[in-house]
Protein backbone atom coordinates (compact mmCIF):
# COMPACT_ATOMS: atom_id res chain seq x y z
CA MET A 1 -5.15 90.59 89.11
CA THR A 2 -7.82 88.31 87.33
CA PHE A 3 -11.18 88.98 88.17
CA VAL A 4 -14.04 86.87 88.16
CA PHE A 5 -16.17 87.46 84.98
CA ASP A 6 -14.75 88.45 81.84
CA GLU A 7 -15.69 91.66 80.23
CA ALA A 8 -18.54 90.22 77.71
CA MET A 9 -20.52 89.09 80.84
CA ARG A 10 -19.68 92.51 82.78
CA SER A 11 -21.15 94.15 79.98
CA TYR A 12 -24.29 92.05 79.60
CA TYR A 13 -25.03 92.68 83.15
CA ASP A 14 -24.64 96.31 83.07
CA ARG A 15 -26.66 96.46 79.84
CA ARG A 16 -29.30 94.29 81.30
CA ALA A 17 -29.85 96.34 84.44
CA SER A 18 -32.86 98.51 83.52
CA GLU A 19 -34.77 95.18 82.68
CA TYR A 20 -33.47 92.63 85.29
CA ASP A 21 -36.42 92.92 87.38
CA ASP A 22 -38.66 91.65 84.59
CA TRP A 23 -37.27 88.09 85.20
CA TRP A 24 -38.22 88.45 88.77
CA LEU A 25 -41.52 90.07 88.10
CA GLY A 26 -42.88 88.05 84.92
CA THR A 27 -42.72 91.41 82.98
CA GLY A 28 -41.16 92.51 79.66
CA GLN A 29 -39.93 89.46 77.88
CA PHE A 30 -40.88 87.21 80.70
CA ALA A 31 -44.58 88.14 80.51
CA GLN A 32 -45.13 85.24 77.80
CA ARG A 33 -42.81 82.66 79.16
CA ASP A 34 -44.36 79.50 80.73
CA ARG A 35 -43.12 79.38 84.03
CA PRO A 36 -45.77 77.54 86.00
CA GLY A 37 -45.76 78.35 89.86
CA TRP A 38 -43.07 81.10 89.31
CA ALA A 39 -44.82 84.17 90.98
CA ASP A 40 -45.67 81.90 94.16
CA GLU A 41 -42.12 80.59 94.42
CA VAL A 42 -40.53 83.83 94.33
CA ALA A 43 -42.84 84.72 97.24
CA GLN A 44 -41.57 81.69 98.99
CA LEU A 45 -37.97 82.57 98.24
CA VAL A 46 -38.34 85.95 99.86
CA ALA A 47 -39.90 84.62 102.74
CA VAL A 48 -36.79 82.37 103.03
CA VAL A 49 -34.43 85.59 102.94
CA ALA A 50 -36.67 87.62 105.20
CA ALA A 51 -36.66 84.62 107.78
CA LEU A 52 -32.65 84.70 107.77
CA PRO A 53 -31.66 86.12 111.56
CA PRO A 54 -30.71 89.55 111.32
CA ALA A 55 -26.65 90.22 110.93
CA ARG A 56 -23.87 92.02 109.47
CA VAL A 57 -24.58 90.97 105.76
CA LEU A 58 -22.64 91.16 102.88
CA ASP A 59 -24.75 90.64 99.66
CA VAL A 60 -22.11 90.11 96.91
CA ALA A 61 -23.62 90.75 93.22
CA CYS A 62 -26.51 92.22 94.76
CA GLY A 63 -27.76 93.56 91.07
CA THR A 64 -30.81 95.61 91.67
CA GLY A 65 -31.34 94.66 95.33
CA PHE A 66 -34.61 92.68 94.55
CA LEU A 67 -33.66 90.25 97.51
CA SER A 68 -31.17 92.51 99.11
CA ALA A 69 -34.52 94.58 100.13
CA HIS A 70 -35.61 91.33 102.38
CA LEU A 71 -32.33 91.03 104.32
CA ALA A 72 -32.40 91.83 107.97
CA GLY A 73 -29.71 93.42 109.76
CA GLU A 74 -26.87 95.90 108.78
CA VAL A 75 -26.64 95.16 105.20
CA VAL A 76 -23.96 95.98 102.77
CA ALA A 77 -24.89 95.44 98.94
CA LEU A 78 -22.05 95.07 96.31
CA ASP A 79 -21.83 94.76 92.58
CA GLN A 80 -19.36 95.53 89.84
CA SER A 81 -21.99 97.06 87.88
CA THR A 82 -22.64 100.78 88.17
CA ALA A 83 -26.10 100.61 86.26
CA MET A 84 -27.44 97.76 88.47
CA LEU A 85 -26.28 99.67 91.72
CA GLN A 86 -27.99 102.60 90.55
CA ILE A 87 -31.32 100.93 90.84
CA ALA A 88 -30.21 99.18 94.08
CA GLY A 89 -29.50 102.22 95.81
CA GLU A 90 -33.10 103.76 94.70
CA ARG A 91 -34.44 100.64 96.08
CA LEU A 92 -32.32 100.21 99.35
CA PRO A 93 -32.61 103.50 101.36
CA GLY A 94 -30.43 102.90 104.58
CA VAL A 95 -28.23 100.16 102.89
CA ARG A 96 -24.68 100.88 102.00
CA VAL A 97 -24.09 100.14 98.40
CA LEU A 98 -20.85 99.73 96.97
CA CYS A 99 -19.24 99.25 93.35
CA GLY A 100 -16.69 96.18 93.99
CA GLU A 101 -15.13 92.91 93.04
CA ALA A 102 -16.15 89.48 94.42
CA VAL A 103 -12.62 88.37 94.09
CA PRO A 104 -11.10 90.01 96.10
CA LEU A 105 -13.55 91.41 98.18
CA PRO A 106 -12.47 94.94 99.44
CA PHE A 107 -13.29 94.03 102.94
CA HIS A 108 -11.38 92.89 106.23
CA ASP A 109 -11.22 89.34 107.63
CA GLY A 110 -14.27 88.76 109.53
CA GLU A 111 -16.00 92.10 108.72
CA PHE A 112 -19.47 90.42 108.24
CA ASP A 113 -21.45 87.58 109.90
CA ARG A 114 -23.14 86.44 106.59
CA VAL A 115 -22.23 86.78 103.02
CA PHE A 116 -25.22 86.37 101.06
CA THR A 117 -25.20 85.95 97.25
CA SER A 118 -28.12 85.32 94.61
CA HIS A 119 -27.70 84.09 91.22
CA PHE A 120 -24.20 84.88 90.93
CA TYR A 121 -22.47 81.56 92.16
CA GLY A 122 -23.96 79.76 89.31
CA HIS A 123 -22.01 82.05 86.87
CA LEU A 124 -18.76 81.33 87.95
CA ARG A 125 -16.50 78.62 86.50
CA GLY A 126 -13.62 76.26 88.04
CA ASP A 127 -11.02 78.44 89.79
CA GLU A 128 -13.45 81.48 90.00
CA ARG A 129 -15.76 79.30 92.38
CA THR A 130 -12.86 78.26 94.22
CA ASP A 131 -11.47 82.12 94.59
CA PHE A 132 -15.04 83.24 95.77
CA LEU A 133 -15.54 80.74 98.27
CA ALA A 134 -12.32 81.42 99.85
CA GLU A 135 -13.08 85.10 99.74
CA ALA A 136 -16.35 84.43 101.22
CA ARG A 137 -15.23 82.34 104.01
CA ARG A 138 -12.48 84.88 104.85
CA VAL A 139 -15.02 87.63 105.48
CA ALA A 140 -17.62 86.07 107.31
CA PRO A 141 -18.20 82.68 108.87
CA GLN A 142 -21.58 81.87 106.64
CA LEU A 143 -22.60 81.73 103.32
CA VAL A 144 -25.93 81.54 101.99
CA VAL A 145 -26.30 80.83 98.32
CA VAL A 146 -29.41 81.24 96.01
CA ASP A 147 -29.38 79.83 92.55
CA SER A 148 -31.21 78.19 89.98
CA ALA A 149 -32.79 74.87 90.40
CA LEU A 150 -31.89 71.92 87.96
CA ARG A 151 -34.82 71.00 85.80
CA GLU A 152 -35.90 68.59 83.19
CA ASP A 153 -35.40 71.26 80.19
CA VAL A 154 -32.12 72.43 80.97
CA GLN A 155 -28.49 71.03 81.49
CA PRO A 156 -26.55 71.21 84.74
CA GLU A 157 -23.79 73.20 83.06
CA GLU A 158 -24.65 74.81 79.62
CA TRP A 159 -23.71 78.04 77.59
CA GLN A 160 -26.77 80.13 76.90
CA GLU A 161 -27.47 83.02 74.18
CA ARG A 162 -29.61 85.55 75.75
CA VAL A 163 -31.06 88.49 73.88
CA LEU A 164 -32.09 91.94 75.41
CA ASP A 165 -34.61 94.06 74.82
CA ASP A 166 -32.25 96.00 72.42
CA GLY A 167 -31.71 92.97 70.30
CA SER A 168 -28.09 92.51 71.70
CA ARG A 169 -26.87 88.85 72.12
CA HIS A 170 -24.73 87.56 74.79
CA ARG A 171 -23.04 84.12 75.81
CA VAL A 172 -23.81 83.30 79.22
CA TYR A 173 -22.13 80.78 81.09
CA LYS A 174 -24.79 78.97 83.71
CA ARG A 175 -25.10 75.98 86.19
CA PHE A 176 -28.41 74.83 87.59
CA PHE A 177 -28.83 72.70 90.82
CA ARG A 178 -30.00 70.24 93.10
CA ALA A 179 -30.24 71.57 96.53
CA SER A 180 -28.66 68.87 97.95
CA ASP A 181 -25.48 68.79 95.36
CA LEU A 182 -25.10 72.57 95.79
CA ALA A 183 -24.94 71.95 99.79
CA GLU A 184 -22.71 69.24 99.42
CA GLU A 185 -20.39 71.20 97.06
CA LEU A 186 -20.43 74.28 99.54
CA GLY A 187 -18.99 71.61 102.12
CA GLY A 188 -22.09 70.20 103.79
CA ALA A 189 -24.64 73.14 103.89
CA THR A 190 -28.17 73.27 105.21
CA VAL A 191 -30.75 73.40 102.34
CA LEU A 192 -33.02 76.50 102.79
CA HIS A 193 -35.18 76.01 99.70
CA ASP A 194 -35.65 73.33 97.32
CA GLY A 195 -38.04 74.49 94.38
CA ARG A 196 -38.84 73.77 90.92
CA TRP A 197 -37.09 77.31 89.99
CA PHE A 198 -34.79 77.99 93.23
CA VAL A 199 -32.65 76.47 95.65
CA ALA A 200 -31.07 78.28 98.62
CA VAL A 201 -28.71 76.82 100.92
CA ALA A 202 -26.68 78.07 103.95
CA THR A 203 -23.16 76.93 105.40
């Protein structure tokens, strides 16, 4: 069976866990990054997530649970990285936190009302996207995708070299989206947020 994300990507995210929130919070390596309006838009995105109606929610690739903490309802947080889940588990008391795959999802058909995923879909390539969307639609009627907005300083699709605090270098595939394009790609979704840094859409 072939899973999404190769071993190199899995290793990268496991090693990045302890510093992942620096990206959200503008600390660590990101303290000196020129990201105008970043903090305000993070707050706007949190508000969008918090405004989603309470539901049975599966958060796929929850990472450290930064956005998961704002989901209302009965939430299950899933990630393949045990290091990420250790942080998420501490952040999300009362949330069921599970180590597992996005493809195939270890759940029954229709077990959730909504699949939520943040900054995961944009790392998937070709058939990985197709397979994930099929799994998301199998377990829930609604999908909410949060990802990175297409800006003038990035390409719609690129391979990035990322350097962690320990000096290790990692090659990461990344897509950036216009909200309308992402909505169309997902089959006619509704745009929830269309900003400089983030987009969010719901099927």
